[in-house]
Amino acid sequence: MGVDTAYKVVSAGWDEQVKILEAGGYARHDFSTATTLLNIIADMKEGYGSLEDLREQSFDTKDLERKLQYFKGIGSVTA
């Protein structure tokens, strides 16, 4: 579907995220997951600028994992 960057996720918006999640088999969690994704991206952009910037601002893999888990909705498995 071509939504493969944080910018594209935000640009696609909530309704499109729900459609993508439903197409991917996430029908039971589509509404809350779409909201969570958009919130994580907004927080990430505010705190770091981009996902690439977050990675570059991390000292190592463990630091990156810790920073990712700061975002509500990202746990150790996702990080």
PDB file of N, CA and C in Angstrom:
ATOM      1  N   MET A   1       0.815  -1.191   0.000  1.00  0.00           N
ATOM      2  CA  MET A   1       0.000   0.000   0.000  1.00  0.00           C
ATOM      3  C   MET A   1       0.859   1.257   0.000  1.00  0.00           C
ATOM      4  N   GLY A   2       2.190   1.079   0.129  1.00  0.00           N
ATOM      5  CA  GLY A   2       3.086   2.203  -0.005  1.00  0.00           C
ATOM      6  C   GLY A   2       3.236   3.086   1.223  1.00  0.00           C
ATOM      7  N   VAL A   3       2.642   2.715   2.337  1.00  0.00           N
ATOM      8  CA  VAL A   3       2.762   3.515   3.554  1.00  0.00           C
ATOM      9  C   VAL A   3       3.878   2.892   4.377  1.00  0.00           C
ATOM     10  N   ASP A   4       5.109   3.330   4.074  1.00  0.00           N
ATOM     11  CA  ASP A   4       6.269   2.660   4.652  1.00  0.00           C
ATOM     12  C   ASP A   4       7.237   3.608   5.369  1.00  0.00           C
ATOM     13  N   THR A   5       6.787   4.818   5.655  1.00  0.00           N
ATOM     14  CA  THR A   5       7.587   5.754   6.438  1.00  0.00           C
ATOM     15  C   THR A   5       6.657   6.445   7.429  1.00  0.00           C
ATOM     16  N   ALA A   6       7.248   7.032   8.461  1.00  0.00           N
ATOM     17  CA  ALA A   6       6.445   7.758   9.449  1.00  0.00           C
ATOM     18  C   ALA A   6       5.661   8.888   8.784  1.00  0.00           C
ATOM     19  N   TYR A   7       6.294   9.595   7.868  1.00  0.00           N
ATOM     20  CA  TYR A   7       5.623  10.695   7.172  1.00  0.00           C
ATOM     21  C   TYR A   7       4.400  10.187   6.413  1.00  0.00           C
ATOM     22  N   LYS A   8       4.549   9.055   5.733  1.00  0.00           N
ATOM     23  CA  LYS A   8       3.431   8.507   4.962  1.00  0.00           C
ATOM     24  C   LYS A   8       2.306   8.013   5.864  1.00  0.00           C
ATOM     25  N   VAL A   9       2.656   7.493   7.042  1.00  0.00           N
ATOM     26  CA  VAL A   9       1.624   7.056   7.991  1.00  0.00           C
ATOM     27  C   VAL A   9       0.792   8.258   8.418  1.00  0.00           C
ATOM     28  N   VAL A  10       1.450   9.338   8.785  1.00  0.00           N
ATOM     29  CA  VAL A  10       0.743  10.547   9.209  1.00  0.00           C
ATOM     30  C   VAL A  10      -0.057  11.125   8.048  1.00  0.00           C
ATOM     31  N   SER A  11       0.546  11.160   6.881  1.00  0.00           N
ATOM     32  CA  SER A  11      -0.144  11.710   5.701  1.00  0.00           C
ATOM     33  C   SER A  11      -1.373  10.892   5.327  1.00  0.00           C
ATOM     34  N   ALA A  12      -1.288   9.581   5.494  1.00  0.00           N
ATOM     35  CA  ALA A  12      -2.412   8.712   5.158  1.00  0.00           C
ATOM     36  C   ALA A  12      -3.595   8.971   6.082  1.00  0.00           C
ATOM     37  N   GLY A  13      -3.319   9.292   7.336  1.00  0.00           N
ATOM     38  CA  GLY A  13      -4.388   9.591   8.289  1.00  0.00           C
ATOM     39  C   GLY A  13      -5.006   8.358   8.913  1.00  0.00           C
ATOM     40  N   TRP A  14      -5.884   8.624   9.851  1.00  0.00           N
ATOM     41  CA  TRP A  14      -6.475   7.570  10.677  1.00  0.00           C
ATOM     42  C   TRP A  14      -7.326   6.599   9.855  1.00  0.00           C
ATOM     43  N   ASP A  15      -8.213   7.110   9.002  1.00  0.00           N
ATOM     44  CA  ASP A  15      -9.097   6.242   8.216  1.00  0.00           C
ATOM     45  C   ASP A  15      -8.307   5.278   7.336  1.00  0.00           C
ATOM     46  N   GLU A  16      -7.267   5.781   6.700  1.00  0.00           N
ATOM     47  CA  GLU A  16      -6.438   4.924   5.843  1.00  0.00           C
ATOM     48  C   GLU A  16      -5.685   3.899   6.684  1.00  0.00           C
ATOM     49  N   GLN A  17      -5.227   4.300   7.872  1.00  0.00           N
ATOM     50  CA  GLN A  17      -4.543   3.344   8.753  1.00  0.00           C
ATOM     51  C   GLN A  17      -5.466   2.200   9.138  1.00  0.00           C
ATOM     52  N   VAL A  18      -6.715   2.517   9.432  1.00  0.00           N
ATOM     53  CA  VAL A  18      -7.689   1.468   9.775  1.00  0.00           C
ATOM     54  C   VAL A  18      -7.849   0.504   8.600  1.00  0.00           C
ATOM     55  N   LYS A  19      -7.959   1.029   7.390  1.00  0.00           N
ATOM     56  CA  LYS A  19      -8.096   0.171   6.202  1.00  0.00           C
ATOM     57  C   LYS A  19      -6.869  -0.729   6.036  1.00  0.00           C
ATOM     58  N   ILE A  20      -5.683  -0.162   6.223  1.00  0.00           N
ATOM     59  CA  ILE A  20      -4.449  -0.940   6.083  1.00  0.00           C
ATOM     60  C   ILE A  20      -4.387  -2.030   7.144  1.00  0.00           C
ATOM     61  N   LEU A  21      -4.729  -1.683   8.376  1.00  0.00           N
ATOM     62  CA  LEU A  21      -4.708  -2.666   9.461  1.00  0.00           C
ATOM     63  C   LEU A  21      -5.726  -3.776   9.227  1.00  0.00           C
ATOM     64  N   GLU A  22      -6.912  -3.427   8.759  1.00  0.00           N
ATOM     65  CA  GLU A  22      -7.918  -4.440   8.450  1.00  0.00           C
ATOM     66  C   GLU A  22      -7.422  -5.355   7.335  1.00  0.00           C
ATOM     67  N   ALA A  23      -6.803  -4.790   6.306  1.00  0.00           N
ATOM     68  CA  ALA A  23      -6.268  -5.591   5.204  1.00  0.00           C
ATOM     69  C   ALA A  23      -5.160  -6.520   5.686  1.00  0.00           C
ATOM     70  N   GLY A  24      -4.456  -6.108   6.733  1.00  0.00           N
ATOM     71  CA  GLY A  24      -3.377  -6.921   7.293  1.00  0.00           C
ATOM     72  C   GLY A  24      -3.846  -7.914   8.331  1.00  0.00           C
ATOM     73  N   GLY A  25      -5.146  -7.989   8.576  1.00  0.00           N
ATOM     74  CA  GLY A  25      -5.675  -8.964   9.511  1.00  0.00           C
ATOM     75  C   GLY A  25      -5.824  -8.462  10.934  1.00  0.00           C
ATOM     76  N   TYR A  26      -5.744  -7.165  11.147  1.00  0.00           N
ATOM     77  CA  TYR A  26      -5.845  -6.603  12.493  1.00  0.00           C
ATOM     78  C   TYR A  26      -7.249  -6.061  12.771  1.00  0.00           C
ATOM     79  N   ALA A  27      -8.267  -6.737  12.300  1.00  0.00           N
ATOM     80  CA  ALA A  27      -9.638  -6.233  12.387  1.00  0.00           C
ATOM     81  C   ALA A  27     -10.104  -6.004  13.825  1.00  0.00           C
ATOM     82  N   ARG A  28      -9.632  -6.773  14.772  1.00  0.00           N
ATOM     83  CA  ARG A  28     -10.086  -6.627  16.153  1.00  0.00           C
ATOM     84  C   ARG A  28      -9.450  -5.429  16.841  1.00  0.00           C
ATOM     85  N   HIS A  29      -8.340  -4.953  16.344  1.00  0.00           N
ATOM     86  CA  HIS A  29      -7.615  -3.885  17.013  1.00  0.00           C
ATOM     87  C   HIS A  29      -7.400  -2.665  16.124  1.00  0.00           C
ATOM     88  N   ASP A  30      -8.070  -2.615  14.995  1.00  0.00           N
ATOM     89  CA  ASP A  30      -7.761  -1.601  14.004  1.00  0.00           C
ATOM     90  C   ASP A  30      -7.927  -0.173  14.496  1.00  0.00           C
ATOM     91  N   PHE A  31      -8.992   0.127  15.227  1.00  0.00           N
ATOM     92  CA  PHE A  31      -9.234   1.511  15.630  1.00  0.00           C
ATOM     93  C   PHE A  31      -8.212   1.986  16.658  1.00  0.00           C
ATOM     94  N   SER A  32      -8.001   1.195  17.688  1.00  0.00           N
ATOM     95  CA  SER A  32      -7.046   1.612  18.714  1.00  0.00           C
ATOM     96  C   SER A  32      -5.610   1.567  18.188  1.00  0.00           C
ATOM     97  N   THR A  33      -5.313   0.602  17.330  1.00  0.00           N
ATOM     98  CA  THR A  33      -3.967   0.491  16.782  1.00  0.00           C
ATOM     99  C   THR A  33      -3.656   1.676  15.872  1.00  0.00           C
ATOM    100  N   ALA A  34      -4.611   2.094  15.070  1.00  0.00           N
ATOM    101  CA  ALA A  34      -4.408   3.253  14.200  1.00  0.00           C
ATOM    102  C   ALA A  34      -4.126   4.497  15.033  1.00  0.00           C
ATOM    103  N   THR A  35      -4.884   4.678  16.099  1.00  0.00           N
ATOM    104  CA  THR A  35      -4.672   5.824  16.985  1.00  0.00           C
ATOM    105  C   THR A  35      -3.302   5.741  17.645  1.00  0.00           C
ATOM    106  N   THR A  36      -2.940   4.551  18.132  1.00  0.00           N
ATOM    107  CA  THR A  36      -1.646   4.361  18.781  1.00  0.00           C
ATOM    108  C   THR A  36      -0.509   4.670  17.820  1.00  0.00           C
ATOM    109  N   LEU A  37      -0.586   4.179  16.591  1.00  0.00           N
ATOM    110  CA  LEU A  37       0.463   4.447  15.602  1.00  0.00           C
ATOM    111  C   LEU A  37       0.635   5.938  15.350  1.00  0.00           C
ATOM    112  N   LEU A  38      -0.468   6.629  15.165  1.00  0.00           N
ATOM    113  CA  LEU A  38      -0.386   8.069  14.898  1.00  0.00           C
ATOM    114  C   LEU A  38       0.174   8.825  16.109  1.00  0.00           C
ATOM    115  N   ASN A  39      -0.205   8.406  17.313  1.00  0.00           N
ATOM    116  CA  ASN A  39       0.327   9.047  18.521  1.00  0.00           C
ATOM    117  C   ASN A  39       1.821   8.793  18.677  1.00  0.00           C
ATOM    118  N   ILE A  40       2.260   7.566  18.423  1.00  0.00           N
ATOM    119  CA  ILE A  40       3.685   7.238  18.528  1.00  0.00           C
ATOM    120  C   ILE A  40       4.491   8.079  17.540  1.00  0.00           C
ATOM    121  N   ILE A  41       4.010   8.188  16.327  1.00  0.00           N
ATOM    122  CA  ILE A  41       4.730   8.950  15.308  1.00  0.00           C
ATOM    123  C   ILE A  41       4.784  10.427  15.679  1.00  0.00           C
ATOM    124  N   ALA A  42       3.686  10.969  16.174  1.00  0.00           N
ATOM    125  CA  ALA A  42       3.682  12.376  16.582  1.00  0.00           C
ATOM    126  C   ALA A  42       4.688  12.609  17.709  1.00  0.00           C
ATOM    127  N   ASP A  43       4.693  11.713  18.705  1.00  0.00           N
ATOM    128  CA  ASP A  43       5.643  11.841  19.821  1.00  0.00           C
ATOM    129  C   ASP A  43       7.083  11.681  19.353  1.00  0.00           C
ATOM    130  N   MET A  44       7.304  10.735  18.444  1.00  0.00           N
ATOM    131  CA  MET A  44       8.647  10.502  17.925  1.00  0.00           C
ATOM    132  C   MET A  44       9.149  11.727  17.156  1.00  0.00           C
ATOM    133  N   LYS A  45       8.287  12.303  16.319  1.00  0.00           N
ATOM    134  CA  LYS A  45       8.679  13.483  15.560  1.00  0.00           C
ATOM    135  C   LYS A  45       8.972  14.656  16.482  1.00  0.00           C
ATOM    136  N   GLU A  46       8.176  14.813  17.528  1.00  0.00           N
ATOM    137  CA  GLU A  46       8.384  15.909  18.469  1.00  0.00           C
ATOM    138  C   GLU A  46       9.685  15.734  19.249  1.00  0.00           C
ATOM    139  N   GLY A  47       9.973  14.506  19.647  1.00  0.00           N
ATOM    140  CA  GLY A  47      11.140  14.257  20.474  1.00  0.00           C
ATOM    141  C   GLY A  47      12.443  14.068  19.726  1.00  0.00           C
ATOM    142  N   TYR A  48      12.349  13.529  18.507  1.00  0.00           N
ATOM    143  CA  TYR A  48      13.574  13.164  17.780  1.00  0.00           C
ATOM    144  C   TYR A  48      13.638  13.675  16.354  1.00  0.00           C
ATOM    145  N   GLY A  49      12.531  14.019  15.763  1.00  0.00           N
ATOM    146  CA  GLY A  49      12.510  14.474  14.384  1.00  0.00           C
ATOM    147  C   GLY A  49      12.051  13.396  13.421  1.00  0.00           C
ATOM    148  N   SER A  50      12.716  12.249  13.460  1.00  0.00           N
ATOM    149  CA  SER A  50      12.349  11.130  12.598  1.00  0.00           C
ATOM    150  C   SER A  50      12.859   9.842  13.227  1.00  0.00           C
ATOM    151  N   LEU A  51      12.437   8.729  12.692  1.00  0.00           N
ATOM    152  CA  LEU A  51      12.920   7.444  13.183  1.00  0.00           C
ATOM    153  C   LEU A  51      14.418   7.313  12.941  1.00  0.00           C
ATOM    154  N   GLU A  52      14.875   7.819  11.819  1.00  0.00           N
ATOM    155  CA  GLU A  52      16.304   7.796  11.515  1.00  0.00           C
ATOM    156  C   GLU A  52      17.088   8.638  12.523  1.00  0.00           C
ATOM    157  N   ASP A  53      16.523   9.795  12.893  1.00  0.00           N
ATOM    158  CA  ASP A  53      17.170  10.652  13.893  1.00  0.00           C
ATOM    159  C   ASP A  53      17.212   9.963  15.250  1.00  0.00           C
ATOM    160  N   LEU A  54      16.146   9.277  15.601  1.00  0.00           N
ATOM    161  CA  LEU A  54      16.110   8.537  16.861  1.00  0.00           C
ATOM    162  C   LEU A  54      17.218   7.500  16.897  1.00  0.00           C
ATOM    163  N   ARG A  55      17.384   6.783  15.794  1.00  0.00           N
ATOM    164  CA  ARG A  55      18.444   5.769  15.705  1.00  0.00           C
ATOM    165  C   ARG A  55      19.815   6.427  15.828  1.00  0.00           C
ATOM    166  N   GLU A  56      20.015   7.527  15.132  1.00  0.00           N
ATOM    167  CA  GLU A  56      21.307   8.215  15.166  1.00  0.00           C
ATOM    168  C   GLU A  56      21.618   8.810  16.538  1.00  0.00           C
ATOM    169  N   GLN A  57      20.574   9.166  17.289  1.00  0.00           N
ATOM    170  CA  GLN A  57      20.766   9.746  18.618  1.00  0.00           C
ATOM    171  C   GLN A  57      20.909   8.689  19.712  1.00  0.00           C
ATOM    172  N   SER A  58      20.876   7.434  19.328  1.00  0.00           N
ATOM    173  CA  SER A  58      21.026   6.348  20.285  1.00  0.00           C
ATOM    174  C   SER A  58      22.481   5.907  20.323  1.00  0.00           C
ATOM    175  N   PHE A  59      22.978   5.640  21.526  1.00  0.00           N
ATOM    176  CA  PHE A  59      24.372   5.239  21.706  1.00  0.00           C
ATOM    177  C   PHE A  59      24.646   3.847  21.154  1.00  0.00           C
ATOM    178  N   ASP A  60      23.667   2.953  21.330  1.00  0.00           N
ATOM    179  CA  ASP A  60      23.816   1.573  20.894  1.00  0.00           C
ATOM    180  C   ASP A  60      22.420   0.947  20.793  1.00  0.00           C
ATOM    181  N   THR A  61      22.374  -0.338  20.500  1.00  0.00           N
ATOM    182  CA  THR A  61      21.093  -1.030  20.332  1.00  0.00           C
ATOM    183  C   THR A  61      20.250  -0.988  21.597  1.00  0.00           C
ATOM    184  N   LYS A  62      20.866  -1.184  22.733  1.00  0.00           N
ATOM    185  CA  LYS A  62      20.132  -1.163  24.006  1.00  0.00           C
ATOM    186  C   LYS A  62      19.527   0.219  24.265  1.00  0.00           C
ATOM    187  N   ASP A  63      20.266   1.262  23.958  1.00  0.00           N
ATOM    188  CA  ASP A  63      19.759   2.618  24.126  1.00  0.00           C
ATOM    189  C   ASP A  63      18.581   2.862  23.188  1.00  0.00           C
ATOM    190  N   LEU A  64      18.692   2.388  21.961  1.00  0.00           N
ATOM    191  CA  LEU A  64      17.595   2.519  21.001  1.00  0.00           C
ATOM    192  C   LEU A  64      16.354   1.789  21.510  1.00  0.00           C
ATOM    193  N   GLU A  65      16.521   0.570  22.003  1.00  0.00           N
ATOM    194  CA  GLU A  65      15.393  -0.191  22.543  1.00  0.00           C
ATOM    195  C   GLU A  65      14.744   0.552  23.708  1.00  0.00           C
ATOM    196  N   ARG A  66      15.552   1.109  24.584  1.00  0.00           N
ATOM    197  CA  ARG A  66      15.029   1.852  25.733  1.00  0.00           C
ATOM    198  C   ARG A  66      14.232   3.064  25.264  1.00  0.00           C
ATOM    199  N   LYS A  67      14.759   3.784  24.293  1.00  0.00           N
ATOM    200  CA  LYS A  67      14.071   4.965  23.777  1.00  0.00           C
ATOM    201  C   LYS A  67      12.763   4.588  23.083  1.00  0.00           C
ATOM    202  N   LEU A  68      12.770   3.500  22.342  1.00  0.00           N
ATOM    203  CA  LEU A  68      11.544   3.059  21.675  1.00  0.00           C
ATOM    204  C   LEU A  68      10.464   2.694  22.687  1.00  0.00           C
ATOM    205  N   GLN A  69      10.865   2.053  23.770  1.00  0.00           N
ATOM    206  CA  GLN A  69       9.894   1.620  24.779  1.00  0.00           C
ATOM    207  C   GLN A  69       9.321   2.782  25.588  1.00  0.00           C
ATOM    208  N   TYR A  70       9.896   3.946  25.454  1.00  0.00           N
ATOM    209  CA  TYR A  70       9.350   5.140  26.085  1.00  0.00           C
ATOM    210  C   TYR A  70       7.981   5.478  25.493  1.00  0.00           C
ATOM    211  N   PHE A  71       7.789   5.152  24.220  1.00  0.00           N
ATOM    212  CA  PHE A  71       6.531   5.481  23.548  1.00  0.00           C
ATOM    213  C   PHE A  71       5.433   4.518  23.986  1.00  0.00           C
ATOM    214  N   LYS A  72       4.296   5.086  24.369  1.00  0.00           N
ATOM    215  CA  LYS A  72       3.159   4.286  24.805  1.00  0.00           C
ATOM    216  C   LYS A  72       2.708   3.384  23.663  1.00  0.00           C
ATOM    217  N   GLY A  73       2.677   2.094  23.930  1.00  0.00           N
ATOM    218  CA  GLY A  73       2.261   1.114  22.923  1.00  0.00           C
ATOM    219  C   GLY A  73       3.414   0.289  22.378  1.00  0.00           C
ATOM    220  N   ILE A  74       4.652   0.671  22.713  1.00  0.00           N
ATOM    221  CA  ILE A  74       5.815  -0.100  22.263  1.00  0.00           C
ATOM    222  C   ILE A  74       6.437  -0.775  23.481  1.00  0.00           C
ATOM    223  N   GLY A  75       6.415  -2.094  23.452  1.00  0.00           N
ATOM    224  CA  GLY A  75       7.020  -2.875  24.521  1.00  0.00           C
ATOM    225  C   GLY A  75       8.311  -3.508  24.065  1.00  0.00           C
ATOM    226  N   SER A  76       8.840  -4.401  24.872  1.00  0.00           N
ATOM    227  CA  SER A  76      10.142  -5.006  24.579  1.00  0.00           C
ATOM    228  C   SER A  76      10.120  -5.843  23.301  1.00  0.00           C
ATOM    229  N   VAL A  77       9.035  -6.539  23.023  1.00  0.00           N
ATOM    230  CA  VAL A  77       8.979  -7.361  21.824  1.00  0.00           C
ATOM    231  C   VAL A  77       9.000  -6.488  20.571  1.00  0.00           C
ATOM    232  N   THR A  78       8.226  -5.423  20.562  1.00  0.00           N
ATOM    233  CA  THR A  78       8.205  -4.522  19.413  1.00  0.00           C
ATOM    234  C   THR A  78       9.530  -3.802  19.248  1.00  0.00           C
ATOM    235  N   ALA A  79      10.103  -3.357  20.358  1.00  0.00           N
ATOM    236  CA  ALA A  79      11.385  -2.653  20.293  1.00  0.00           C
ATOM    237  C   ALA A  79      12.451  -3.587  19.766  1.00  0.00           C
TER     238      ALA A  79
END
